[in-house]
Amino acid sequence: MEFRPMRWPVIECDGLALERLLEIVSMASSHIPASLKAAENGVDWQAIADIGDRLENTRDRIETHVLWTVSQDKLMPLKVCAERHLGEPG
């Protein structure tokens, strides 16, 4: 699966889809062993957990620019980590 950075107009249209994606990624990251998280200090595990908690526990939508920033700044290091541990080329 290829990761391509999204452009801002795409996020405007798909904000709800991005919210759900970040929720799923956050929930999945909670199942990663603490030892692996400790070894992968390039991934901001706390930020990934926090955005999922915020999405899950809020009745208001999170501003699109916040989702955009999280998706651009936090997901790429996680992708690199996943590829390294799954043995898939980047």
Protein backbone atom coordinates (compact mmCIF):
# COMPACT_ATOMS: atom_id res chain seq x y z
CA MET A 1 0.00 0.00 0.00
CA GLU A 2 1.44 3.34 -1.00
CA PHE A 3 1.14 6.35 1.28
CA ARG A 4 0.73 9.61 -0.55
CA PRO A 5 0.48 12.89 1.33
CA MET A 6 -2.94 14.44 0.95
CA ARG A 7 -3.56 17.96 -0.27
CA TRP A 8 -5.65 20.37 1.81
CA PRO A 9 -8.73 20.42 -0.51
CA VAL A 10 -9.00 16.64 -0.24
CA ILE A 11 -9.18 16.93 3.54
CA GLU A 12 -11.95 19.53 3.33
CA CYS A 13 -14.16 17.01 1.52
CA ASP A 14 -13.12 13.97 3.50
CA GLY A 15 -12.78 15.30 7.04
CA LEU A 16 -15.10 12.66 8.48
CA ALA A 17 -13.19 9.89 6.71
CA LEU A 18 -9.93 11.25 8.08
CA GLU A 19 -11.41 11.39 11.58
CA ARG A 20 -12.37 7.73 11.30
CA LEU A 21 -8.97 6.75 9.87
CA LEU A 22 -7.16 8.44 12.76
CA GLU A 23 -9.52 6.77 15.23
CA ILE A 24 -8.75 3.34 13.74
CA VAL A 25 -4.99 3.96 13.66
CA SER A 26 -5.06 5.14 17.26
CA MET A 27 -7.03 2.12 18.41
CA ALA A 28 -4.72 -0.26 16.53
CA SER A 29 -1.65 1.40 18.03
CA SER A 30 -2.92 0.57 21.51
CA HIS A 31 -2.31 -3.12 20.70
CA ILE A 32 1.39 -2.60 19.92
CA PRO A 33 3.63 -3.97 22.68
CA ALA A 34 5.28 -1.41 24.96
CA SER A 35 8.70 -2.86 24.16
CA LEU A 36 8.25 -2.10 20.45
CA LYS A 37 6.98 1.39 21.22
CA ALA A 38 10.02 2.02 23.40
CA ALA A 39 12.32 0.88 20.60
CA GLU A 40 10.57 3.11 18.04
CA ASN A 41 11.12 6.53 19.55
CA GLY A 42 10.66 8.27 16.19
CA VAL A 43 6.91 7.64 16.40
CA ASP A 44 4.91 9.98 18.61
CA TRP A 45 2.86 7.21 20.23
CA GLN A 46 1.31 9.56 22.78
CA ALA A 47 0.03 11.96 20.11
CA ILE A 48 -1.49 9.05 18.18
CA ALA A 49 -3.23 7.79 21.33
CA ASP A 50 -4.37 11.29 22.28
CA ILE A 51 -6.00 12.08 18.94
CA GLY A 52 -7.91 8.80 19.08
CA ASP A 53 -9.12 9.53 22.60
CA ARG A 54 -10.15 13.01 21.60
CA LEU A 55 -12.04 11.77 18.55
CA GLU A 56 -13.74 9.03 20.53
CA ASN A 57 -14.76 11.22 23.46
CA THR A 58 -15.89 14.41 21.79
CA ARG A 59 -19.30 15.36 20.54
CA ASP A 60 -17.90 18.23 18.54
CA ARG A 61 -15.91 17.75 15.38
CA ILE A 62 -12.23 18.51 15.53
CA GLU A 63 -11.13 21.32 13.27
CA THR A 64 -9.94 20.11 9.90
CA HIS A 65 -6.55 21.82 10.19
CA VAL A 66 -5.83 19.84 13.38
CA LEU A 67 -6.65 16.56 11.62
CA TRP A 68 -4.52 17.65 8.68
CA THR A 69 -1.54 18.41 10.90
CA VAL A 70 -1.80 15.09 12.73
CA SER A 71 -2.11 13.13 9.50
CA GLN A 72 0.89 14.85 7.92
CA ASP A 73 3.17 14.99 10.96
CA LYS A 74 2.41 11.77 12.82
CA LEU A 75 1.44 9.10 10.28
CA MET A 76 4.60 8.99 8.14
CA PRO A 77 6.89 7.90 11.01
CA LEU A 78 4.29 5.28 11.91
CA LYS A 79 4.22 4.05 8.30
CA VAL A 80 8.01 3.73 8.27
CA CYS A 81 7.89 1.81 11.56
CA ALA A 82 5.20 -0.54 10.27
CA GLU A 83 7.09 -1.24 7.03
CA ARG A 84 10.27 -1.97 8.97
CA HIS A 85 8.54 -4.46 11.24
CA LEU A 86 6.34 -6.02 8.57
CA GLY A 87 9.24 -6.38 6.14
CA GLU A 88 7.58 -4.47 3.32
CA PRO A 89 9.68 -2.23 1.09
CA GLY A 90 8.90 1.51 1.16
